[in-house]
Protein backbone atom coordinates (compact mmCIF):
# COMPACT_ATOMS: atom_id res chain seq x y z
CA MET A 1 -38.01 -48.11 4.52
CA ASP A 2 -36.28 -51.29 3.46
CA GLY A 3 -37.50 -54.75 4.50
CA GLU A 4 -38.47 -58.23 3.36
CA GLY A 5 -42.08 -59.25 2.56
CA SER A 6 -43.68 -62.38 4.10
CA GLU A 7 -45.75 -65.15 2.58
CA VAL A 8 -48.92 -66.35 4.40
CA GLU A 9 -49.52 -70.09 4.18
CA PRO A 10 -52.70 -70.88 2.22
CA ALA A 11 -55.74 -72.42 3.91
CA ASP A 12 -56.20 -76.15 3.84
CA PRO A 13 -56.33 -77.06 0.17
CA GLU A 14 -59.49 -78.25 -1.39
CA ILE A 15 -59.61 -81.88 -2.68
CA ASP A 16 -61.04 -82.30 -6.16
CA GLN A 17 -62.29 -85.88 -6.86
CA GLY A 18 -63.15 -85.39 -10.51
CA ALA A 19 -62.77 -87.81 -13.39
CA GLY A 20 -59.04 -87.54 -13.33
CA GLY A 21 -58.73 -88.76 -9.80
CA ILE A 22 -58.00 -86.98 -6.60
CA GLN A 23 -56.29 -83.53 -7.02
CA ILE A 24 -55.20 -81.15 -4.31
CA ASP A 25 -55.98 -77.48 -5.15
CA LYS A 26 -53.13 -75.15 -4.10
CA ILE A 27 -52.19 -71.53 -5.04
CA GLU A 28 -48.54 -70.67 -5.68
CA PHE A 29 -47.53 -66.99 -5.30
CA SER A 30 -44.39 -65.61 -7.03
CA LEU A 31 -44.67 -61.94 -6.01
CA ASN A 32 -41.20 -60.55 -5.16
CA PRO A 33 -41.11 -59.38 -1.55
CA ARG A 34 -39.31 -56.17 -2.64
CA ILE A 35 -40.68 -54.28 -5.61
CA SER A 36 -38.88 -51.31 -7.14
CA PHE A 37 -40.54 -48.76 -9.39
CA THR A 38 -38.81 -45.79 -10.95
CA VAL A 39 -40.44 -42.44 -10.27
CA GLY A 40 -42.67 -41.31 -13.13
CA SER A 41 -42.53 -44.67 -14.89
CA GLU A 42 -45.42 -46.71 -16.33
CA ILE A 43 -46.02 -49.83 -14.18
CA ASP A 44 -47.24 -53.19 -15.47
CA LEU A 45 -46.30 -55.96 -13.02
CA ASP A 46 -47.69 -59.53 -13.25
CA LEU A 47 -48.62 -60.60 -9.72
CA GLY A 48 -47.79 -64.17 -10.75
CA ALA A 49 -50.14 -66.37 -8.63
CA THR A 50 -51.19 -69.74 -10.08
CA SER A 51 -53.65 -72.45 -9.00
CA SER A 52 -52.53 -76.06 -9.16
CA THR A 53 -55.95 -76.99 -10.52
CA GLY A 54 -55.91 -74.24 -13.11
CA LEU A 55 -58.76 -72.34 -11.55
CA ALA A 56 -59.01 -68.58 -12.02
CA ILE A 57 -57.34 -66.37 -9.44
CA ALA A 58 -58.76 -63.19 -7.94
CA TYR A 59 -56.60 -60.62 -6.12
CA VAL A 60 -57.24 -58.28 -3.25
CA ALA A 61 -54.63 -55.75 -2.11
CA GLU A 62 -54.25 -53.78 1.11
CA GLY A 63 -52.22 -50.56 1.10
CA LEU A 64 -52.71 -50.03 -2.60
CA PRO A 65 -52.12 -46.32 -3.43
CA SER A 66 -54.52 -44.43 -5.63
CA TRP A 67 -52.15 -44.41 -8.59
CA LEU A 68 -51.85 -48.21 -8.62
CA ASN A 69 -54.57 -50.70 -9.61
CA ILE A 70 -54.94 -54.50 -10.05
CA ILE A 71 -56.11 -55.21 -13.56
CA ASP A 72 -56.16 -58.71 -15.06
CA GLY A 73 -53.69 -60.01 -12.51
CA HIS A 74 -51.30 -57.13 -13.05
CA LEU A 75 -50.32 -54.11 -10.96
CA ARG A 76 -50.79 -51.20 -13.34
CA GLY A 77 -50.44 -47.44 -13.05
CA THR A 78 -48.04 -44.50 -13.34
CA ALA A 79 -45.48 -44.02 -10.58
CA PRO A 80 -45.51 -40.56 -8.99
CA SER A 81 -42.61 -38.09 -9.10
CA THR A 82 -41.91 -38.53 -5.41
CA THR A 83 -39.48 -41.11 -4.14
CA GLY A 84 -40.47 -43.19 -1.16
CA SER A 85 -41.27 -46.71 0.13
CA PHE A 86 -44.58 -48.37 0.96
CA ASN A 87 -46.01 -51.68 2.33
CA LEU A 88 -48.28 -53.75 0.15
CA THR A 89 -50.21 -56.94 1.01
CA VAL A 90 -51.73 -58.94 -1.85
CA THR A 91 -54.15 -61.85 -1.33
CA ALA A 92 -54.80 -64.38 -4.12
CA LYS A 93 -57.94 -66.60 -4.01
CA ASN A 94 -59.60 -69.01 -6.44
CA GLU A 95 -63.21 -70.11 -6.68
CA LYS A 96 -62.58 -73.18 -4.58
CA GLY A 97 -61.58 -70.92 -1.71
CA SER A 98 -57.88 -71.61 -1.82
CA VAL A 99 -55.96 -68.58 -0.59
CA ALA A 100 -52.37 -67.34 -0.70
CA GLN A 101 -51.13 -64.04 0.65
CA ARG A 102 -47.89 -62.18 0.11
CA SER A 103 -46.59 -58.98 1.83
CA ALA A 104 -44.06 -56.80 -0.02
CA VAL A 105 -42.28 -53.50 0.22
CA TYR A 106 -42.31 -51.45 -2.92
CA VAL A 107 -39.91 -48.51 -3.30
CA LEU A 108 -39.71 -45.54 -5.67
CA PRO A 109 -36.01 -44.75 -6.32
CA ALA A 110 -34.70 -42.51 -9.14
CA HIS A 111 -31.71 -42.63 -11.49
CA ILE A 112 -29.52 -39.57 -11.18
CA GLU A 113 -28.41 -37.63 -14.23
CA MET A 114 -26.16 -34.56 -14.39
CA ASN A 115 -25.04 -32.25 -17.17
CA THR A 116 -21.49 -33.18 -18.19
CA THR A 117 -21.05 -30.65 -20.98
CA PRO A 118 -17.36 -29.59 -21.07
CA LEU A 119 -16.63 -26.45 -19.08
CA GLN A 120 -14.72 -23.60 -20.74
CA MET A 121 -12.46 -21.26 -18.78
CA VAL A 122 -9.12 -19.44 -18.93
CA SER A 123 -6.02 -20.09 -16.92
CA GLY A 124 -5.38 -18.10 -13.79
CA GLN A 125 -9.04 -17.23 -13.26
CA ALA A 126 -11.57 -18.91 -10.97
CA LEU A 127 -14.63 -20.60 -12.45
CA SER A 128 -17.81 -20.93 -10.35
CA VAL A 129 -20.52 -23.25 -11.68
CA PRO A 130 -23.72 -24.51 -9.95
CA LEU A 131 -24.00 -28.30 -10.05
CA GLN A 132 -27.42 -29.46 -11.24
CA ALA A 133 -28.15 -33.16 -10.89
CA SER A 134 -31.65 -34.50 -11.51
CA ASN A 135 -33.52 -37.78 -11.12
CA GLY A 136 -37.10 -36.76 -11.84
CA ALA A 137 -38.02 -36.79 -8.16
CA SER A 138 -39.66 -33.66 -6.85
CA ASN A 139 -38.35 -34.30 -3.36
CA ALA A 140 -34.75 -34.95 -4.38
CA ASN A 141 -32.01 -33.55 -2.15
CA PHE A 142 -28.57 -33.87 -3.70
CA VAL A 143 -25.22 -33.90 -1.95
CA TYR A 144 -22.12 -33.50 -4.11
CA THR A 145 -18.66 -34.87 -3.40
CA LEU A 146 -15.47 -33.95 -5.29
CA ILE A 147 -13.68 -37.21 -6.05
CA SER A 148 -10.73 -35.78 -8.02
CA ALA A 149 -9.71 -32.51 -9.66
CA GLN A 150 -6.90 -33.11 -12.11
CA GLY A 151 -4.57 -30.09 -12.28
CA ALA A 152 -6.97 -27.80 -10.44
CA THR A 153 -7.54 -26.13 -7.16
CA ALA A 154 -11.21 -26.98 -6.66
CA THR A 155 -13.88 -27.04 -3.93
CA ILE A 156 -17.62 -27.72 -3.69
CA ASP A 157 -19.67 -25.57 -1.33
CA GLU A 158 -23.16 -27.11 -1.18
CA SER A 159 -23.98 -27.19 -4.91
CA MET A 160 -21.45 -24.58 -6.10
CA LEU A 161 -18.27 -25.83 -7.79
CA THR A 162 -15.28 -23.46 -7.77
CA ALA A 163 -12.15 -24.37 -9.73
CA SER A 164 -9.04 -22.62 -10.99
CA TYR A 165 -6.21 -23.82 -13.21
CA ALA A 166 -2.78 -22.26 -13.41
CA LEU A 167 -1.96 -23.60 -16.86
CA PRO A 168 -3.97 -24.03 -20.03
CA GLY A 169 -4.90 -27.56 -21.10
CA THR A 170 -7.67 -30.19 -21.02
CA TYR A 171 -8.56 -31.62 -17.61
CA GLU A 172 -11.28 -33.69 -15.91
CA LEU A 173 -13.34 -33.21 -12.76
CA VAL A 174 -14.85 -36.31 -11.13
CA ILE A 175 -17.93 -35.58 -9.00
CA GLU A 176 -20.36 -37.86 -7.17
CA ALA A 177 -24.00 -36.84 -6.75
CA GLN A 178 -26.22 -38.54 -4.15
CA ASP A 179 -29.93 -38.07 -3.46
CA VAL A 180 -30.15 -38.39 0.32
CA ASN A 181 -33.98 -38.45 0.22
CA SER A 182 -34.07 -41.55 -1.93
CA PRO A 183 -35.32 -44.69 -0.06
CA GLN A 184 -32.30 -46.61 -1.29
CA ILE A 185 -28.84 -45.28 -1.77
CA SER A 186 -29.09 -43.35 -5.03
CA ARG A 187 -25.79 -42.03 -6.32
CA ASN A 188 -23.85 -41.68 -9.50
CA THR A 189 -20.38 -40.56 -10.50
CA PHE A 190 -19.88 -38.07 -13.32
CA ARG A 191 -16.81 -37.03 -15.30
CA ILE A 192 -16.86 -33.41 -16.45
CA PRO A 193 -14.25 -32.33 -19.03
CA VAL A 194 -12.68 -28.90 -18.47
CA VAL A 195 -11.03 -27.00 -21.32
CA VAL A 196 -8.69 -24.28 -20.01
CA ASP A 197 -7.68 -21.67 -22.57
CA VAL A 198 -4.78 -19.28 -22.19
CA ILE A 199 -5.66 -15.76 -21.08
CA PRO A 200 -5.29 -13.44 -24.07
CA LEU A 201 -1.94 -11.68 -24.03
CA THR A 202 -2.24 -7.95 -23.32
CA ILE A 203 0.26 -5.15 -22.85
CA SER A 204 -0.13 -2.19 -20.52
CA VAL A 205 1.51 1.07 -21.57
CA ALA A 206 0.79 4.69 -20.73
CA ASP A 207 1.88 7.97 -22.25
CA LEU A 208 4.95 9.39 -20.58
CA ASP A 209 5.81 12.99 -19.77
CA THR A 210 9.38 13.52 -18.63
CA THR A 211 12.01 16.24 -18.45
CA GLN A 212 15.26 16.71 -20.27
CA TYR A 213 18.28 15.39 -18.31
CA VAL A 214 16.07 13.96 -15.54
CA THR A 215 16.41 10.25 -14.88
CA THR A 216 13.33 8.45 -16.13
CA LEU A 217 12.16 5.05 -14.92
CA GLU A 218 8.99 3.53 -16.36
CA ARG A 219 7.83 -0.09 -16.42
CA PHE A 220 5.63 -1.54 -19.13
CA THR A 221 3.76 -4.69 -18.10
CA ALA A 222 1.93 -7.58 -19.74
CA ALA A 223 -0.72 -10.06 -18.65
CA GLY A 224 -2.07 -13.34 -19.95
CA GLY A 225 -0.38 -15.52 -22.51
CA TRP A 226 2.22 -18.08 -21.52
CA GLY A 227 4.57 -15.88 -19.50
CA GLY A 228 8.25 -15.28 -20.18
CA TYR A 229 7.49 -11.80 -21.52
CA GLN A 230 10.04 -9.85 -23.57
CA PHE A 231 9.50 -6.27 -24.68
CA ARG A 232 10.90 -4.44 -27.69
CA VAL A 233 10.37 -1.36 -29.84
CA VAL A 234 8.91 -2.35 -33.20
CA GLU A 235 7.84 0.99 -34.65
CA GLY A 236 9.46 4.39 -34.16
CA SER A 237 12.43 5.03 -31.88
CA LEU A 238 12.92 6.18 -28.33
CA PRO A 239 14.14 9.71 -27.57
CA ALA A 240 17.91 9.94 -27.32
CA GLY A 241 19.10 8.94 -23.86
CA LEU A 242 16.27 6.48 -23.18
CA SER A 243 16.48 2.72 -23.62
CA LEU A 244 14.06 -0.19 -23.22
CA LYS A 245 15.22 -3.40 -21.54
CA TRP A 246 13.77 -6.78 -22.43
CA ASP A 247 11.82 -6.85 -19.15
CA GLY A 248 9.83 -3.71 -20.06
CA THR A 249 11.91 -1.22 -18.08
CA LEU A 250 12.28 2.14 -19.81
CA SER A 251 15.14 4.09 -18.28
CA GLY A 252 17.73 6.77 -18.90
CA ALA A 253 17.93 10.54 -19.02
CA PRO A 254 16.58 12.05 -22.25
CA ARG A 255 18.98 14.49 -23.87
CA ASP A 256 16.72 16.57 -26.10
CA THR A 257 13.25 18.05 -25.98
CA ASP A 258 11.01 15.87 -28.11
CA THR A 259 7.57 14.34 -28.62
CA ARG A 260 7.21 11.05 -30.42
CA SER A 261 5.03 7.95 -30.54
CA VAL A 262 6.60 4.53 -30.19
CA THR A 263 5.04 1.10 -30.63
CA ILE A 264 6.06 -1.39 -27.95
CA GLU A 265 5.58 -5.11 -28.55
CA VAL A 266 5.57 -7.89 -25.98
CA VAL A 267 6.12 -11.52 -26.96
CA ASP A 268 5.58 -14.51 -24.66
CA ASN A 269 7.50 -17.78 -24.61
CA LYS A 270 5.16 -19.39 -27.14
CA GLY A 271 5.29 -16.56 -29.63
CA LEU A 272 2.03 -14.77 -28.81
CA THR A 273 2.37 -11.00 -29.23
CA ALA A 274 0.58 -7.84 -28.20
CA ARG A 275 1.33 -4.21 -29.02
CA GLY A 276 0.74 -0.84 -27.44
CA VAL A 277 1.51 2.70 -28.55
CA VAL A 278 3.05 5.14 -26.09
CA THR A 279 3.61 8.84 -26.68
CA ILE A 280 6.74 10.15 -24.96
CA THR A 281 7.05 13.88 -24.36
CA VAL A 282 10.37 15.30 -23.19
CA LYS A 283 10.05 18.83 -21.85
CA GLY A 284 12.90 21.28 -21.56
CA ASN A 285 14.69 21.45 -18.24
CA PRO A 286 14.73 24.95 -16.75
CA ALA A 287 17.41 23.93 -14.29
CA ILE A 288 20.18 23.28 -16.78
CA THR A 289 21.26 24.46 -20.20
CA PRO A 290 24.19 23.09 -22.21
CA ALA A 291 26.58 25.97 -22.72
CA GLY A 292 28.51 24.31 -25.53
CA SER A 293 32.01 22.94 -25.57
CA LEU A 294 35.54 24.20 -25.99
CA THR A 295 37.94 22.35 -28.30
CA THR A 296 41.65 22.14 -27.65
CA ALA A 297 44.50 20.55 -29.58
CA VAL A 298 45.03 18.06 -26.76
CA GLY A 299 42.46 16.76 -24.33
CA PRO A 300 42.52 19.07 -21.27
CA TYR A 301 43.65 17.57 -18.02
CA SER A 302 41.77 20.12 -15.93
CA ALA A 303 39.45 23.10 -16.35
CA ILE A 304 39.30 25.77 -13.65
CA PHE A 305 37.05 28.81 -13.65
CA SER A 306 38.37 32.29 -13.06
CA ALA A 307 37.21 34.16 -9.96
CA ASP A 308 34.47 35.99 -11.91
CA SER A 309 33.37 32.78 -13.68
CA SER A 310 33.92 34.32 -17.13
CA GLN A 311 37.10 32.49 -18.11
CA LEU A 312 38.55 28.99 -17.98
CA TYR A 313 42.08 27.84 -17.31
CA LEU A 314 42.55 24.73 -19.41
CA ALA A 315 45.61 22.65 -18.63
CA THR A 316 46.78 19.87 -20.91
CA ASN A 317 49.87 17.72 -20.48
CA GLN A 318 51.92 20.35 -22.33
CA THR A 319 50.06 23.69 -22.22
CA ILE A 320 48.03 26.13 -20.16
CA SER A 321 45.34 28.12 -21.95
CA LEU A 322 43.22 30.99 -20.67
CA VAL A 323 39.92 30.92 -22.60
CA ASP A 324 37.06 33.40 -22.67
CA ILE A 325 33.87 31.37 -22.16
CA ALA A 326 31.48 33.72 -23.98
CA THR A 327 33.50 33.85 -27.20
CA SER A 328 35.51 30.59 -26.92
CA THR A 329 38.57 32.74 -27.64
CA THR A 330 41.98 31.75 -26.30
CA ILE A 331 43.37 34.80 -24.55
CA LYS A 332 46.79 33.37 -23.80
CA GLN A 333 48.54 30.04 -23.97
CA LEU A 334 51.78 28.81 -22.39
CA LYS A 335 53.86 25.74 -23.09
CA ILE A 336 54.86 23.88 -19.93
CA GLY A 337 56.28 20.52 -19.00
CA THR A 338 54.22 17.50 -18.00
CA ASN A 339 51.18 18.77 -16.14
CA ARG A 340 49.88 16.62 -13.29
CA SER A 341 47.51 18.91 -11.44
CA ALA A 342 46.42 22.55 -11.30
CA ALA A 343 44.59 24.83 -8.84
CA LEU A 344 43.41 28.45 -8.63
CA SER A 345 43.84 30.29 -5.35
CA PRO A 346 40.55 31.13 -3.55
CA ASP A 347 41.23 34.88 -3.97
CA GLY A 348 41.52 34.33 -7.73
CA ASN A 349 44.96 35.90 -8.03
CA ARG A 350 47.29 32.93 -8.55
CA TYR A 351 47.19 29.79 -10.62
CA ALA A 352 49.45 26.89 -9.67
CA VAL A 353 50.49 23.91 -11.80
CA ALA A 354 52.42 20.83 -10.68
CA SER A 355 54.86 20.06 -13.48
CA ASP A 356 58.22 18.28 -13.86
CA GLY A 357 59.17 18.15 -10.19
CA ALA A 358 58.10 21.73 -9.46
CA LEU A 359 55.10 23.80 -8.41
CA GLN A 360 54.85 26.64 -10.91
CA VAL A 361 52.84 29.65 -9.71
CA TYR A 362 51.38 32.11 -12.26
CA ASP A 363 49.60 35.43 -12.07
CA ALA A 364 46.00 34.40 -12.76
CA LYS A 365 45.23 37.39 -15.00
CA THR A 366 48.38 37.53 -17.12
CA LEU A 367 49.70 33.96 -16.82
CA GLU A 368 53.12 35.42 -16.01
CA LYS A 369 55.14 33.09 -13.80
CA VAL A 370 55.64 34.56 -10.35
CA ASN A 371 57.27 31.65 -8.56
CA GLU A 372 58.62 28.15 -9.06
CA ILE A 373 58.94 25.82 -6.09
CA LYS A 374 61.16 22.80 -6.51
CA VAL A 375 59.51 19.78 -4.92
CA GLY A 376 61.76 16.98 -6.14
CA THR A 377 59.00 14.82 -7.55
CA SER A 378 55.82 15.34 -9.48
CA ALA A 379 52.79 16.09 -7.36
CA MET A 380 49.70 14.05 -8.10
CA ALA A 381 47.23 16.47 -6.48
CA VAL A 382 47.46 20.17 -5.60
CA VAL A 383 45.18 22.41 -3.53
CA TRP A 384 45.41 25.93 -2.09
CA SER A 385 44.69 26.78 1.53
CA ALA A 386 41.55 28.79 2.23
CA ASP A 387 43.61 31.97 2.82
CA SER A 388 45.42 31.60 -0.56
CA ASN A 389 48.84 31.63 1.12
CA THR A 390 49.74 27.93 1.21
CA LEU A 391 50.05 25.27 -1.45
CA HIS A 392 49.46 21.66 -0.40
CA PHE A 393 50.35 18.78 -2.68
CA ALA A 394 50.34 15.01 -2.40
CA ARG A 395 53.23 12.89 -3.61
CA SER A 396 54.78 9.48 -3.23
CA LYS A 397 57.21 8.88 -0.40
CA SER A 398 59.64 6.06 0.19
CA GLY A 399 58.19 2.95 1.78
CA SER A 400 55.03 2.96 -0.35
CA VAL A 401 53.55 5.76 1.71
CA ALA A 402 51.82 8.88 0.44
CA GLU A 403 52.84 12.27 1.79
CA LEU A 404 51.21 15.69 1.94
CA VAL A 405 53.69 18.61 1.86
CA SER A 406 52.77 22.26 2.48
CA TYR A 407 54.69 25.22 1.00
CA ASP A 408 54.51 28.95 1.44
CA ALA A 409 53.22 30.00 -2.00
CA SER A 410 55.26 33.23 -2.04
CA THR A 411 58.62 32.09 -0.65
CA GLY A 412 58.56 28.37 -1.41
CA ALA A 413 59.46 27.55 2.18
CA VAL A 414 58.34 24.14 3.47
CA LEU A 415 55.76 24.66 6.20
CA GLY A 416 55.28 21.02 7.15
CA SER A 417 54.49 17.53 5.95
CA VAL A 418 52.56 14.48 7.06
CA ALA A 419 52.35 10.90 5.83
CA PHE A 420 49.06 9.21 4.98
CA GLY A 421 47.71 6.12 3.25
CA LYS A 422 49.54 4.22 0.57
CA THR A 423 51.33 5.36 -2.53
CA GLY A 424 49.08 5.37 -5.58
CA SER A 425 47.71 7.51 -8.34
CA GLY A 426 44.18 7.81 -6.95
CA TRP A 427 44.74 10.65 -4.49
CA ARG A 428 42.06 13.28 -3.97
CA ILE A 429 42.58 16.26 -1.66
CA ASP A 430 40.53 19.26 -0.57
CA ALA A 431 41.32 22.10 1.83
CA LEU A 432 39.35 22.96 4.95
CA ALA A 433 38.83 26.52 6.11
CA ASP A 434 40.96 25.94 9.24
CA GLY A 435 44.09 25.02 7.27
CA ARG A 436 43.72 21.26 7.47
CA VAL A 437 43.49 19.12 4.35
CA LEU A 438 41.19 16.22 3.55
CA ALA A 439 42.60 13.35 1.53
CA THR A 440 41.69 9.95 0.17
CA ALA A 441 43.98 7.37 -1.38
CA SER A 442 42.92 4.61 -3.77
CA GLY A 443 45.02 2.02 -1.94
CA SER A 444 43.52 2.79 1.48
CA SER A 445 40.15 3.08 3.16
CA GLY A 446 38.75 6.04 5.07
CA ILE A 447 39.17 9.81 4.94
CA TYR A 448 42.40 11.38 6.17
CA VAL A 449 42.30 14.68 8.03
CA LEU A 450 45.84 16.06 7.68
CA ASP A 451 47.51 18.89 9.57
CA THR A 452 50.94 19.57 8.09
CA LEU A 453 51.83 22.24 10.65
CA SER A 454 51.45 19.86 13.57
CA GLY A 455 52.35 16.76 11.57
CA THR A 456 49.20 14.91 12.68
CA THR A 457 47.04 12.49 10.74
CA ARG A 458 43.56 11.41 11.71
CA VAL A 459 41.60 8.70 9.90
CA ILE A 460 37.83 9.08 9.69
CA THR A 461 35.61 6.05 8.84
CA PRO A 462 38.65 3.77 8.43
CA THR A 463 36.56 0.76 7.36
CA LEU A 464 34.74 2.52 4.49
CA THR A 465 36.14 2.63 0.98
CA SER A 466 36.52 6.27 -0.06
CA TYR A 467 37.95 7.26 -3.44
CA PHE A 468 36.71 10.87 -3.57
CA VAL A 469 36.28 13.62 -1.01
CA ALA A 470 34.81 17.13 -0.94
CA ALA A 471 34.73 19.51 2.01
CA ALA A 472 31.21 20.54 3.05
CA PRO A 473 29.73 23.14 5.43
CA GLY A 474 29.44 22.42 9.15
CA ASN A 475 32.77 20.60 9.60
CA THR A 476 31.57 17.76 7.40
CA ALA A 477 32.71 16.18 4.16
CA TRP A 478 31.20 14.17 1.35
CA THR A 479 32.96 11.03 0.24
CA GLY A 480 32.13 8.46 -2.37
CA ALA A 481 32.97 5.12 -3.94
CA GLY A 482 31.11 3.02 -6.49
CA GLY A 483 27.61 4.46 -6.59
CA THR A 484 27.40 5.46 -2.92
CA LEU A 485 27.74 8.94 -1.41
CA ARG A 486 28.24 9.50 2.32
CA ARG A 487 28.32 12.63 4.42
CA VAL A 488 30.69 12.33 7.36
CA ASP A 489 31.00 14.39 10.54
CA LEU A 490 34.69 15.25 10.73
CA GLU A 491 34.57 15.73 14.47
CA THR A 492 32.91 12.45 15.48
CA GLY A 493 33.58 10.36 12.41
CA ASP A 494 29.89 9.46 12.20
CA VAL A 495 28.24 8.88 8.84
CA ILE A 496 25.30 11.27 8.96
CA ALA A 497 23.83 10.64 5.50
CA THR A 498 24.08 7.92 2.87
CA HIS A 499 22.71 8.15 -0.67
CA SER A 500 22.90 5.72 -3.57
CA ILE A 501 23.08 6.87 -7.18
CA LYS A 502 21.80 4.19 -9.52
CA GLY A 503 23.68 2.99 -12.52
CA ILE A 504 27.04 4.68 -12.02
CA VAL A 505 30.58 3.98 -10.91
CA LEU A 506 31.83 7.19 -9.37
CA ALA A 507 34.63 8.94 -11.31
CA GLY A 508 34.35 12.46 -9.92
CA LEU A 509 32.86 14.39 -7.00
CA THR A 510 32.63 18.19 -6.74
CA MET A 511 30.58 20.44 -4.46
CA SER A 512 28.99 23.77 -5.34
CA PRO A 513 30.36 26.78 -3.41
CA ASP A 514 27.18 27.09 -1.33
CA GLY A 515 27.20 23.40 -0.37
CA ARG A 516 23.76 22.79 -1.86
CA TRP A 517 24.72 20.63 -4.84
CA LEU A 518 27.01 17.71 -5.41
CA TYR A 519 28.12 17.18 -8.98
CA VAL A 520 28.81 13.49 -9.47
CA SER A 521 30.29 12.08 -12.65
CA ASP A 522 31.04 8.74 -14.21
CA SER A 523 32.28 7.92 -17.70
CA ARG A 524 28.87 8.66 -19.24
CA ASN A 525 26.98 11.21 -17.14
CA LEU A 526 27.19 14.28 -14.98
CA ILE A 527 24.61 14.09 -12.21
CA ALA A 528 23.46 16.93 -9.98
CA VAL A 529 22.48 15.70 -6.50
CA ASP A 530 20.58 17.76 -3.93
CA THR A 531 22.59 17.39 -0.70
CA ARG A 532 19.50 17.98 1.44
CA ASP A 533 17.84 14.67 0.56
CA GLY A 534 20.21 12.95 -1.86
CA SER A 535 17.73 13.24 -4.71
CA GLU A 536 19.02 13.19 -8.26
CA VAL A 537 18.00 16.45 -9.91
CA VAL A 538 19.42 16.10 -13.40
CA ARG A 539 21.53 13.57 -15.29
CA VAL A 540 23.37 14.99 -18.29
CA PRO A 541 24.99 12.59 -20.79
CA LEU A 542 28.67 13.25 -21.52
CA PRO A 543 30.63 12.67 -24.72
CA SER A 544 31.84 9.13 -25.13
CA GLY A 545 35.35 8.24 -24.10
CA MET A 546 35.52 10.63 -21.16
CA SER A 547 37.36 10.08 -17.91
CA PRO A 548 35.68 13.11 -16.41
CA ARG A 549 36.95 15.71 -13.98
CA THR A 550 34.49 18.36 -12.88
CA THR A 551 34.91 21.94 -11.70
CA VAL A 552 32.22 24.33 -10.48
CA SER A 553 32.34 28.05 -11.18
CA PRO A 554 32.62 30.37 -8.16
CA ASP A 555 29.07 31.64 -8.79
CA GLY A 556 27.80 28.09 -8.72
CA ARG A 557 26.00 28.43 -12.04
CA MET A 558 28.28 26.52 -14.35
CA VAL A 559 30.10 23.21 -14.39
CA ALA A 560 33.03 22.32 -16.62
CA VAL A 561 33.73 18.67 -17.38
CA THR A 562 37.07 17.64 -18.86
CA GLY A 563 38.67 14.34 -19.68
CA GLY A 564 37.22 13.80 -23.15
CA PRO A 565 39.07 13.81 -26.45
CA ASN A 566 40.16 17.43 -26.97
CA THR A 567 36.93 18.68 -25.41
CA THR A 568 35.71 20.54 -22.36
CA THR A 569 31.95 20.34 -21.85
CA LEU A 570 30.26 23.34 -20.24
CA LEU A 571 26.87 23.17 -18.54
CA LYS A 572 24.90 26.08 -17.11
CA PHE A 573 22.75 25.45 -14.04
CA THR A 574 20.13 28.15 -13.82
CA ALA A 575 17.94 26.96 -10.96
CA SER A 576 20.44 26.55 -8.13
CA ASP A 577 19.07 28.12 -4.96
């Protein structure tokens, strides 16, 4: 309650006719019409009435609470702990009967205090703190208002303060507390310092079990600190074939069986560091075994397996060598002219080499020449027909056009020809069982289906870049460019499967005889891909400096990779099914 007191006019004053003359007796009252006491305080208030004649004053009060008394002209007592407001009427009277009366409202407010001890927290985490204001009043009811929250996301729900800071630093919260039960507006504003520390920098690593030749991808992570994390190996070394990027990505295909512990360190952009130890175990791969390498005087241009998969025909730019795989012994070697391409007939009986404007045909077992077909220009790619009777080869034709020409392998007679694509050195061809030939050309898009007997050319997927092609079961073919493999229906031209191989630029594409595996190569790796789902089964690192060409043995258990310096790499696949 808030109101003004009122003064009651005194009764007619008494007239004193003493020795000093006539004096009028009147009481003056100075009591404030609004009296404020603080809860719990000691009260000593002079009521302040005076008589003009100097006579003694006596007081009578109405509405005086039990904790307040009039003693010697003073209101004295101890204020209670409860805020509130009350009416008080005080009458002053002297012995002559003069009277004055004053009404007042006295109130019991309270001064609000609140703990402003600095708050401690860490960045990125929410802090919840109960607000606890006090004013000594037992009936206080506080309402809190957030005035400002420098640098924070903050809210107040009833008396609970919740705040979070993204960055470390020193901040300030400004909060107003108000006691709504106080008889007069009782509020105060408080400034609370907030010290935000950085979250301790931590690194998360876990032991890794992986398999030889299988692509590994692991990510180490960090938390806390100042961000901008960079990872590095500070103790030990990673297994051969694995590497750690600055962002914590561990990747690669381990080359050797191994177990080792490596210490990984992360550093943030203010130099804080944390370390973790990871044990990496590389298990042997039952699916593949390196079968060694064969060394030749000159880097082999191609390696082709014999029909029984026990021997290799290695062709360099000047020689042909027949090598026994088990003993690495050269059985026979021939000097020839410039070798551009070579192929073994599907029946395993004849071996053809394109050299110096001719197709030279040899007996596969003895390497005795059985035929030489003059073709007028060097062939860039040679393939046998499925029945082993026809030789197809691609060559340049006038007008910047490529041409596929078919010859009878026994007589040398021209059986037909057909133009396709553009002239270039990037031709790849493969024979279909029905006598047609698949081709790609580096200067053109799409897959060409060529029929030299009818002279027809059909382009499949003309808008897709295709640098490599391999015939597949079911009248389909695999083609590839960059790191993308596609399986194409040769009848409809539809792309029926697409797979991406990470981290490579395609340099070779060969299919296993049963159609189950695709062997994909780039300058660093040979990758076995399961054609059923496009999954990468193994990734085998190749010698540096290779421009690889791959050949699969007829039994599907071995792959030869040529193109390196004087080396043919042999790999045995033992889990093909």
